[in-house]
Amino acid sequence: MTAVTDAPSLAALEQRLALIACGENTRPGKTRACDSCRKKGPGYLRIAATQAWDALAAAICGTGKAPACSDCKAKALRMIAIYNGEAE
């Protein structure tokens, strides 16, 4: 288990989730999310906390409702894994 002092701050986690939603894997070298994704970061964090990957995928996809595209589903699953501390 990660100690509280070792855990990333919520702001850093929020930024990390926003970067994933923004497409860090599709754009090599991308280190910051766009303004739109950064603004959605708090929402991504709240949804990731619920473990509702389908709702998170829909939020990333921009439709707001399921089903989301497979790319956004993969991003959502990765974001939840990072939120849980299972991946980096």
C-alpha atoms as a PDB file:
ATOM      1  CA  MET A   1       0.000   0.000   0.000  1.00  0.00           C
ATOM      2  CA  THR A   2       1.238   3.488  -0.814  1.00  0.00           C
ATOM      3  CA  ALA A   3       1.783   5.837   2.080  1.00  0.00           C
ATOM      4  CA  VAL A   4      -0.178   9.065   1.997  1.00  0.00           C
ATOM      5  CA  THR A   5       3.030  11.050   1.664  1.00  0.00           C
ATOM      6  CA  ASP A   6       4.054   8.949  -1.355  1.00  0.00           C
ATOM      7  CA  ALA A   7       0.726   9.317  -3.139  1.00  0.00           C
ATOM      8  CA  PRO A   8       0.510  11.923  -5.904  1.00  0.00           C
ATOM      9  CA  SER A   9      -1.457  15.033  -5.092  1.00  0.00           C
ATOM     10  CA  LEU A  10      -5.005  15.206  -6.352  1.00  0.00           C
ATOM     11  CA  ALA A  11      -4.047  18.118  -8.602  1.00  0.00           C
ATOM     12  CA  ALA A  12      -1.247  16.071 -10.175  1.00  0.00           C
ATOM     13  CA  LEU A  13      -3.558  13.089 -10.595  1.00  0.00           C
ATOM     14  CA  GLU A  14      -6.196  15.319 -12.164  1.00  0.00           C
ATOM     15  CA  GLN A  15      -3.632  16.671 -14.634  1.00  0.00           C
ATOM     16  CA  ARG A  16      -2.460  13.139 -15.431  1.00  0.00           C
ATOM     17  CA  LEU A  17      -5.996  11.964 -16.166  1.00  0.00           C
ATOM     18  CA  ALA A  18      -6.629  15.017 -18.345  1.00  0.00           C
ATOM     19  CA  LEU A  19      -3.451  14.275 -20.307  1.00  0.00           C
ATOM     20  CA  ILE A  20      -4.576  10.697 -20.932  1.00  0.00           C
ATOM     21  CA  ALA A  21      -7.984  11.905 -22.108  1.00  0.00           C
ATOM     22  CA  CYS A  22      -6.256  14.429 -24.365  1.00  0.00           C
ATOM     23  CA  GLY A  23      -4.418  11.673 -26.197  1.00  0.00           C
ATOM     24  CA  GLU A  24      -0.927  11.397 -24.767  1.00  0.00           C
ATOM     25  CA  ASN A  25      -0.461   7.958 -26.330  1.00  0.00           C
ATOM     26  CA  THR A  26      -1.401   9.128 -29.814  1.00  0.00           C
ATOM     27  CA  ARG A  27       0.887  12.162 -29.737  1.00  0.00           C
ATOM     28  CA  PRO A  28       4.464  11.263 -28.769  1.00  0.00           C
ATOM     29  CA  GLY A  29       6.116  13.854 -26.560  1.00  0.00           C
ATOM     30  CA  LYS A  30       2.836  15.416 -25.424  1.00  0.00           C
ATOM     31  CA  THR A  31       3.303  16.526 -21.827  1.00  0.00           C
ATOM     32  CA  ARG A  32       0.275  18.748 -21.182  1.00  0.00           C
ATOM     33  CA  ALA A  33      -3.422  18.426 -21.808  1.00  0.00           C
ATOM     34  CA  CYS A  34      -5.201  21.058 -23.883  1.00  0.00           C
ATOM     35  CA  ASP A  35      -7.270  23.702 -22.085  1.00  0.00           C
ATOM     36  CA  SER A  36     -10.510  21.844 -22.768  1.00  0.00           C
ATOM     37  CA  CYS A  37      -9.269  18.566 -21.285  1.00  0.00           C
ATOM     38  CA  ARG A  38      -7.671  20.367 -18.314  1.00  0.00           C
ATOM     39  CA  LYS A  39     -11.028  21.981 -17.525  1.00  0.00           C
ATOM     40  CA  LYS A  40     -12.649  18.548 -17.593  1.00  0.00           C
ATOM     41  CA  GLY A  41      -9.970  17.105 -15.277  1.00  0.00           C
ATOM     42  CA  PRO A  42     -11.993  17.479 -12.062  1.00  0.00           C
ATOM     43  CA  GLY A  43     -14.897  15.623 -13.655  1.00  0.00           C
ATOM     44  CA  TYR A  44     -12.627  12.862 -14.910  1.00  0.00           C
ATOM     45  CA  LEU A  45     -11.214  12.504 -11.400  1.00  0.00           C
ATOM     46  CA  ARG A  46     -14.677  12.299  -9.809  1.00  0.00           C
ATOM     47  CA  ILE A  47     -15.851   9.676 -12.289  1.00  0.00           C
ATOM     48  CA  ALA A  48     -12.624   7.650 -11.968  1.00  0.00           C
ATOM     49  CA  ALA A  49     -13.187   7.581  -8.209  1.00  0.00           C
ATOM     50  CA  THR A  50     -16.508   5.790  -8.793  1.00  0.00           C
ATOM     51  CA  GLN A  51     -14.812   3.133 -10.971  1.00  0.00           C
ATOM     52  CA  ALA A  52     -17.543   3.659 -13.599  1.00  0.00           C
ATOM     53  CA  TRP A  53     -15.389   3.116 -16.675  1.00  0.00           C
ATOM     54  CA  ASP A  54     -18.382   3.307 -19.038  1.00  0.00           C
ATOM     55  CA  ALA A  55     -19.398   6.746 -17.738  1.00  0.00           C
ATOM     56  CA  LEU A  56     -15.778   7.901 -17.844  1.00  0.00           C
ATOM     57  CA  ALA A  57     -15.409   6.652 -21.432  1.00  0.00           C
ATOM     58  CA  ALA A  58     -18.579   8.508 -22.441  1.00  0.00           C
ATOM     59  CA  ALA A  59     -17.266  11.706 -20.818  1.00  0.00           C
ATOM     60  CA  ILE A  60     -13.952  11.381 -22.661  1.00  0.00           C
ATOM     61  CA  CYS A  61     -15.702  10.594 -25.950  1.00  0.00           C
ATOM     62  CA  GLY A  62     -17.770  13.753 -25.600  1.00  0.00           C
ATOM     63  CA  THR A  63     -21.130  12.105 -26.114  1.00  0.00           C
ATOM     64  CA  GLY A  64     -22.029  12.038 -22.437  1.00  0.00           C
ATOM     65  CA  LYS A  65     -23.767   8.709 -22.894  1.00  0.00           C
ATOM     66  CA  ALA A  66     -22.753   5.131 -23.607  1.00  0.00           C
ATOM     67  CA  PRO A  67     -21.551   3.472 -25.716  1.00  0.00           C
ATOM     68  CA  ALA A  68     -18.248   5.243 -26.211  1.00  0.00           C
ATOM     69  CA  CYS A  69     -15.713   4.422 -28.908  1.00  0.00           C
ATOM     70  CA  SER A  70     -13.093   1.755 -28.211  1.00  0.00           C
ATOM     71  CA  ASP A  71     -10.301   4.349 -27.994  1.00  0.00           C
ATOM     72  CA  CYS A  72     -12.097   6.197 -25.210  1.00  0.00           C
ATOM     73  CA  LYS A  73     -12.928   2.933 -23.433  1.00  0.00           C
ATOM     74  CA  ALA A  74      -9.215   2.088 -23.376  1.00  0.00           C
ATOM     75  CA  LYS A  75      -8.387   5.562 -22.034  1.00  0.00           C
ATOM     76  CA  ALA A  76     -11.025   5.188 -19.305  1.00  0.00           C
ATOM     77  CA  LEU A  77      -9.706   1.810 -18.184  1.00  0.00           C
ATOM     78  CA  ARG A  78      -6.158   3.198 -18.070  1.00  0.00           C
ATOM     79  CA  MET A  79      -7.301   6.261 -16.107  1.00  0.00           C
ATOM     80  CA  ILE A  80      -9.046   4.087 -13.515  1.00  0.00           C
ATOM     81  CA  ALA A  81      -5.981   1.872 -13.199  1.00  0.00           C
ATOM     82  CA  ILE A  82      -3.830   4.952 -12.592  1.00  0.00           C
ATOM     83  CA  TYR A  83      -6.366   6.319 -10.114  1.00  0.00           C
ATOM     84  CA  ASN A  84      -6.157   3.003  -8.237  1.00  0.00           C
ATOM     85  CA  GLY A  85      -2.372   3.144  -8.305  1.00  0.00           C
ATOM     86  CA  GLU A  86      -2.183  -0.001 -10.442  1.00  0.00           C
ATOM     87  CA  ALA A  87      -0.390   1.508 -13.433  1.00  0.00           C
ATOM     88  CA  GLU A  88       1.717   4.414 -14.561  1.00  0.00           C
END
